[in-house]
């Protein structure tokens, strides 16, 4: 199958690498040198423009920072939309905005092009292993078509509802992740202030009903070691939680906890900067308590 892939970021690269091993792949990236290096490694073609990427693709993946970049990639004489052919399937793996996804889907439908939103969870490790979870918003027949391609880098593929539902669920999922990270940080700094070693506090948390991915994986591997790998930017988590608030507003819900989490993330982003990793939000709780969660 002729597949196009736009967006070779941290998670996009291993996803595209697995596609390259199974399909006729062409790639495009905003920073052209990244696409050229990927092509040299994996023996695939590079499209000079998004339009040319679309022209040669039966299925086209987008994996970009936000829906804003997806819209920008569609626009203009050299944009994706100018090259999309009737019958093409666009699979948007961006952690995007549900409403914009519906707008994009309507726009492409007029050209005979189907779009599904298929954000993924599992991070770079999951992408490399081919075990990502895809939450897919789509019409039934489009989901069936997308599933066969997503299986290359996903271990779990779920049809979660109509177009936009995938992005809504991913936003809510990341809002819950952010809540867990902040809760673990605030609780553990309190325990450390009370005289409990950080590693001991984590051992107890992870042997109790308080355990979570944040306490079992993220905090021990980053805060306790003071290693802060840049796997997922705090700025992108902040964006995702704001998308979750839009979903909450559409549902007419108050969601006081998640609104507080969003405010804390925005504060952390302002303090730590645009390049900080998402787990570095822990540093705000440490600063407030005057302790570090070292192992």
Protein backbone atom coordinates (compact mmCIF):
# COMPACT_ATOMS: atom_id res chain seq x y z
CA UNK A 1 0.00 0.00 0.00
CA UNK A 2 1.22 3.52 -0.80
CA UNK A 3 1.32 5.43 2.48
CA UNK A 4 2.29 9.02 3.22
CA UNK A 5 3.45 10.16 6.66
CA UNK A 6 3.67 13.81 7.75
CA UNK A 7 5.31 14.60 11.07
CA UNK A 8 8.51 12.83 12.13
CA UNK A 9 8.65 13.96 15.74
CA UNK A 10 9.64 11.87 18.75
CA UNK A 11 6.71 9.48 18.43
CA UNK A 12 6.12 9.90 14.69
CA UNK A 13 9.55 8.55 13.76
CA UNK A 14 9.14 5.06 15.28
CA UNK A 15 5.57 4.86 13.97
CA UNK A 16 6.80 5.69 10.47
CA UNK A 17 9.71 3.27 10.82
CA UNK A 18 7.33 0.39 11.43
CA UNK A 19 5.24 1.44 8.44
CA UNK A 20 8.38 1.60 6.30
CA UNK A 21 9.06 -2.06 7.03
CA UNK A 22 5.60 -3.08 5.82
CA UNK A 23 4.49 -0.63 3.12
CA UNK A 24 5.60 1.66 0.31
CA UNK A 25 6.21 4.77 2.43
CA UNK A 26 6.84 8.42 1.55
CA UNK A 27 7.51 10.97 4.30
CA UNK A 28 7.39 14.72 4.76
CA UNK A 29 8.56 16.80 7.69
CA UNK A 30 8.61 20.54 8.30
CA UNK A 31 12.35 20.32 8.98
CA UNK A 32 13.48 18.73 5.74
CA UNK A 33 16.78 17.42 7.12
CA UNK A 34 14.85 15.20 9.53
CA UNK A 35 12.92 13.63 6.65
CA UNK A 36 16.12 13.16 4.62
CA UNK A 37 17.88 11.45 7.52
CA UNK A 38 14.89 9.19 8.12
CA UNK A 39 14.71 8.28 4.43
CA UNK A 40 18.40 7.43 4.32
CA UNK A 41 18.02 5.12 7.31
CA UNK A 42 14.82 3.38 6.24
CA UNK A 43 15.03 3.43 2.46
CA UNK A 44 11.89 5.44 1.82
CA UNK A 45 11.04 8.42 -0.39
CA UNK A 46 10.79 12.05 0.69
CA UNK A 47 8.07 14.32 -0.70
CA UNK A 48 9.27 17.89 -1.40
CA UNK A 49 5.87 19.35 -0.42
CA UNK A 50 2.75 18.22 1.45
CA UNK A 51 0.84 18.36 -1.86
CA UNK A 52 3.21 15.86 -3.46
CA UNK A 53 3.00 13.66 -0.35
CA UNK A 54 -0.78 13.56 -0.72
CA UNK A 55 -0.75 12.97 -4.48
CA UNK A 56 1.01 9.63 -4.15
CA UNK A 57 -0.80 8.27 -1.07
CA UNK A 58 -3.69 5.86 -0.67
CA UNK A 59 -3.51 6.37 3.09
CA UNK A 60 -2.02 9.50 4.64
CA UNK A 61 -0.94 9.86 8.28
CA UNK A 62 -0.57 13.16 10.10
CA UNK A 63 1.25 13.18 13.44
CA UNK A 64 1.70 16.81 14.45
CA UNK A 65 1.78 18.85 17.68
CA UNK A 66 -1.82 20.11 17.45
CA UNK A 67 -4.82 20.50 15.15
CA UNK A 68 -3.61 23.99 14.29
CA UNK A 69 -0.61 22.49 12.49
CA UNK A 70 -2.86 19.99 10.71
CA UNK A 71 -5.02 22.82 9.34
CA UNK A 72 -1.92 24.77 8.30
CA UNK A 73 -0.59 21.71 6.48
CA UNK A 74 -3.83 21.40 4.50
CA UNK A 75 -3.81 24.99 3.26
CA UNK A 76 -2.19 26.61 0.23
CA UNK A 77 -1.25 25.55 -3.30
CA UNK A 78 1.38 23.14 -1.95
CA UNK A 79 -0.75 21.96 0.98
CA UNK A 80 -2.09 18.48 1.56
CA UNK A 81 -5.60 19.31 0.42
CA UNK A 82 -4.36 20.33 -3.03
CA UNK A 83 -2.93 16.86 -3.58
CA UNK A 84 -5.51 14.61 -1.93
CA UNK A 85 -7.30 12.30 -4.34
CA UNK A 86 -10.87 10.98 -3.94
CA UNK A 87 -10.81 7.74 -1.99
CA UNK A 88 -7.78 8.65 0.10
CA UNK A 89 -8.00 7.90 3.83
CA UNK A 90 -6.42 10.44 6.20
CA UNK A 91 -5.53 9.10 9.64
CA UNK A 92 -4.79 11.93 12.07
CA UNK A 93 -2.68 10.66 14.98
CA UNK A 94 -2.24 14.18 16.36
CA UNK A 95 -3.46 14.74 19.92
CA UNK A 96 -5.89 17.24 18.54
CA UNK A 97 -9.01 19.30 19.08
CA UNK A 98 -12.28 17.36 18.57
CA UNK A 99 -14.17 20.30 17.06
CA UNK A 100 -11.40 21.09 14.58
CA UNK A 101 -11.28 17.41 13.64
CA UNK A 102 -14.95 17.50 12.76
CA UNK A 103 -14.40 20.65 10.73
CA UNK A 104 -11.46 19.11 8.86
CA UNK A 105 -13.45 15.93 8.22
CA UNK A 106 -16.30 17.94 6.71
CA UNK A 107 -13.88 19.91 4.56
CA UNK A 108 -12.20 16.75 3.22
CA UNK A 109 -15.47 14.92 2.71
CA UNK A 110 -16.34 17.46 0.00
CA UNK A 111 -13.30 16.17 -1.90
CA UNK A 112 -14.26 12.53 -1.47
CA UNK A 113 -11.59 12.05 1.20
CA UNK A 114 -12.31 10.33 4.54
CA UNK A 115 -10.67 11.36 7.81
CA UNK A 116 -10.44 9.45 11.08
CA UNK A 117 -8.95 10.84 14.27
CA UNK A 118 -6.68 8.23 15.83
CA UNK A 119 -4.53 9.67 18.62
CA UNK A 120 -2.30 7.12 20.30
CA UNK A 121 -1.13 6.38 23.82
CA UNK A 122 1.99 4.53 24.90
CA UNK A 123 4.75 6.99 24.11
CA UNK A 124 7.97 6.45 22.20
CA UNK A 125 8.57 3.07 23.84
CA UNK A 126 5.17 1.83 22.72
CA UNK A 127 5.70 3.16 19.20
CA UNK A 128 9.04 1.38 18.91
CA UNK A 129 7.56 -1.87 20.21
CA UNK A 130 4.40 -1.63 18.10
CA UNK A 131 2.20 -1.73 21.20
CA UNK A 132 0.52 1.69 21.10
CA UNK A 133 -3.16 2.08 21.92
CA UNK A 134 -5.17 3.92 19.26
CA UNK A 135 -8.49 5.52 20.15
CA UNK A 136 -10.28 6.03 16.86
CA UNK A 137 -13.12 8.40 16.02
CA UNK A 138 -14.62 7.33 12.70
CA UNK A 139 -17.53 6.09 10.67
CA UNK A 140 -17.69 2.30 10.77
CA UNK A 141 -16.35 1.53 7.30
CA UNK A 142 -13.54 4.07 7.70
CA UNK A 143 -12.56 2.48 11.02
CA UNK A 144 -12.32 -0.94 9.39
CA UNK A 145 -10.03 0.46 6.71
CA UNK A 146 -7.86 2.35 9.20
CA UNK A 147 -7.51 -0.61 11.55
CA UNK A 148 -5.58 -2.67 9.01
CA UNK A 149 -2.88 0.01 8.77
CA UNK A 150 -2.82 0.98 12.45
CA UNK A 151 -2.07 -2.63 13.36
CA UNK A 152 1.50 -2.06 12.17
CA UNK A 153 2.36 0.03 15.25
CA UNK A 154 -0.59 -0.51 17.61
CA UNK A 155 -1.34 -3.39 19.95
CA UNK A 156 -4.80 -2.12 20.84
CA UNK A 157 -7.14 -0.35 18.40
CA UNK A 158 -10.51 0.79 19.71
CA UNK A 159 -13.39 2.43 17.84
CA UNK A 160 -14.47 4.94 20.49
CA UNK A 161 -17.17 6.84 18.60
CA UNK A 162 -17.78 9.27 15.73
CA UNK A 163 -15.21 11.67 14.30
CA UNK A 164 -13.73 13.76 17.11
CA UNK A 165 -14.34 11.12 19.78
CA UNK A 166 -10.76 9.87 19.61
CA UNK A 167 -9.35 13.32 20.23
CA UNK A 168 -11.86 13.95 23.02
CA UNK A 169 -10.88 10.76 24.82
CA UNK A 170 -7.14 11.37 24.38
CA UNK A 171 -7.53 14.87 25.84
CA UNK A 172 -9.43 13.55 28.84
CA UNK A 173 -6.92 10.72 29.27
CA UNK A 174 -4.01 13.16 29.36
CA UNK A 175 -5.87 15.40 31.80
CA UNK A 176 -6.17 12.41 34.14
CA UNK A 177 -2.46 11.65 33.63
CA UNK A 178 -1.59 15.25 34.57
CA UNK A 179 -3.79 14.98 37.67
CA UNK A 180 -1.96 11.84 38.74
CA UNK A 181 1.50 13.35 38.28
CA UNK A 182 0.60 16.45 40.30
CA UNK A 183 -1.14 14.44 43.03
CA UNK A 184 1.88 12.12 43.43
CA UNK A 185 4.24 15.10 43.55
CA UNK A 186 2.23 17.03 46.13
CA UNK A 187 1.57 13.98 48.31
CA UNK A 188 5.16 12.78 48.23
CA UNK A 189 6.67 16.17 49.01
CA UNK A 190 4.40 16.31 52.07
CA UNK A 191 5.57 12.84 53.11
CA UNK A 192 9.23 13.79 52.64
CA UNK A 193 8.70 16.93 54.76
CA UNK A 194 7.29 14.63 57.44
CA UNK A 195 10.52 12.60 57.42
CA UNK A 196 9.67 9.75 55.02
CA UNK A 197 12.39 8.98 52.43
CA UNK A 198 11.08 9.52 48.91
CA UNK A 199 11.90 5.98 47.77
CA UNK A 200 10.09 4.53 50.79
CA UNK A 201 7.04 6.68 50.16
CA UNK A 202 6.91 5.46 46.56
CA UNK A 203 7.29 1.83 47.64
CA UNK A 204 4.29 2.19 49.92
CA UNK A 205 2.20 4.04 47.32
CA UNK A 206 2.90 1.37 44.74
CA UNK A 207 1.92 -1.40 47.13
CA UNK A 208 -1.39 0.32 47.87
CA UNK A 209 -4.50 1.54 46.07
CA UNK A 210 -2.78 4.89 45.45
CA UNK A 211 -0.54 3.45 42.75
CA UNK A 212 -0.72 4.81 39.21
CA UNK A 213 1.43 5.02 36.09
CA UNK A 214 2.78 8.28 37.49
CA UNK A 215 3.89 6.65 40.76
CA UNK A 216 5.06 3.36 39.23
CA UNK A 217 6.93 4.64 36.17
CA UNK A 218 7.24 8.39 35.74
CA UNK A 219 8.20 9.69 39.17
CA UNK A 220 10.67 6.92 40.07
CA UNK A 221 12.40 7.03 36.68
CA UNK A 222 12.67 10.80 36.53
CA UNK A 223 12.21 12.64 39.83
CA UNK A 224 14.04 10.10 42.01
CA UNK A 225 16.92 9.82 39.53
CA UNK A 226 16.82 13.54 38.61
CA UNK A 227 16.95 12.44 34.97
CA UNK A 228 14.44 14.39 32.92
CA UNK A 229 14.35 12.91 29.40
CA UNK A 230 12.44 15.05 26.92
CA UNK A 231 9.89 12.49 25.76
CA UNK A 232 6.73 14.62 25.86
CA UNK A 233 6.72 18.36 26.34
CA UNK A 234 4.92 19.97 29.24
CA UNK A 235 3.63 22.51 26.72
CA UNK A 236 1.87 19.73 24.79
CA UNK A 237 0.33 18.27 27.95
CA UNK A 238 -0.89 21.77 28.81
CA UNK A 239 -2.47 21.97 25.34
CA UNK A 240 -4.12 18.57 25.77
CA UNK A 241 -5.63 19.50 29.12
CA UNK A 242 -7.03 22.69 27.62
CA UNK A 243 -8.61 20.50 24.92
CA UNK A 244 -10.08 18.39 27.71
CA UNK A 245 -11.60 21.52 29.26
CA UNK A 246 -13.25 22.30 25.93
CA UNK A 247 -14.78 18.79 25.97
CA UNK A 248 -15.92 19.39 29.55
CA UNK A 249 -17.43 22.76 28.64
CA UNK A 250 -19.29 21.20 25.71
CA UNK A 251 -20.76 18.68 28.15
CA UNK A 252 -21.81 21.50 30.52
CA UNK A 253 -19.77 20.09 33.42
CA UNK A 254 -17.94 21.92 36.19
CA UNK A 255 -14.96 19.53 36.65
CA UNK A 256 -13.32 21.59 39.38
CA UNK A 257 -10.34 19.28 39.82
CA UNK A 258 -9.36 19.27 36.14
CA UNK A 259 -9.72 23.04 35.94
CA UNK A 260 -7.30 23.34 38.85
CA UNK A 261 -4.92 20.91 37.14
CA UNK A 262 -5.04 23.01 33.98
CA UNK A 263 -4.18 26.15 35.95
CA UNK A 264 -1.24 24.39 37.62
CA UNK A 265 0.09 23.14 34.29
CA UNK A 266 -0.10 26.62 32.79
CA UNK A 267 1.82 27.96 35.79
CA UNK A 268 4.46 25.24 35.44
CA UNK A 269 4.82 25.93 31.73
CA UNK A 270 5.40 29.64 32.41
CA UNK A 271 8.03 28.85 35.05
CA UNK A 272 9.83 25.91 33.40
CA UNK A 273 9.62 26.97 29.76
CA UNK A 274 8.49 25.52 26.46
CA UNK A 275 11.12 22.77 26.29
CA UNK A 276 10.44 21.21 29.72
CA UNK A 277 9.28 17.61 29.88
CA UNK A 278 5.78 16.96 31.20
CA UNK A 279 7.00 15.21 34.36
CA UNK A 280 8.99 18.30 35.34
CA UNK A 281 5.73 19.72 36.69
CA UNK A 282 6.88 17.82 39.81
CA UNK A 283 9.43 20.61 40.34
CA UNK A 284 6.72 23.09 41.27
CA UNK A 285 5.58 20.96 44.21
CA UNK A 286 9.23 20.46 45.20
CA UNK A 287 9.89 24.20 45.11
CA UNK A 288 6.84 24.93 47.24
CA UNK A 289 7.86 22.30 49.80
CA UNK A 290 11.57 23.10 49.73
CA UNK A 291 12.52 19.45 49.11
CA UNK A 292 13.50 17.23 46.19
CA UNK A 293 12.14 13.75 45.58
CA UNK A 294 15.52 12.10 45.27
CA UNK A 295 15.87 8.35 45.63
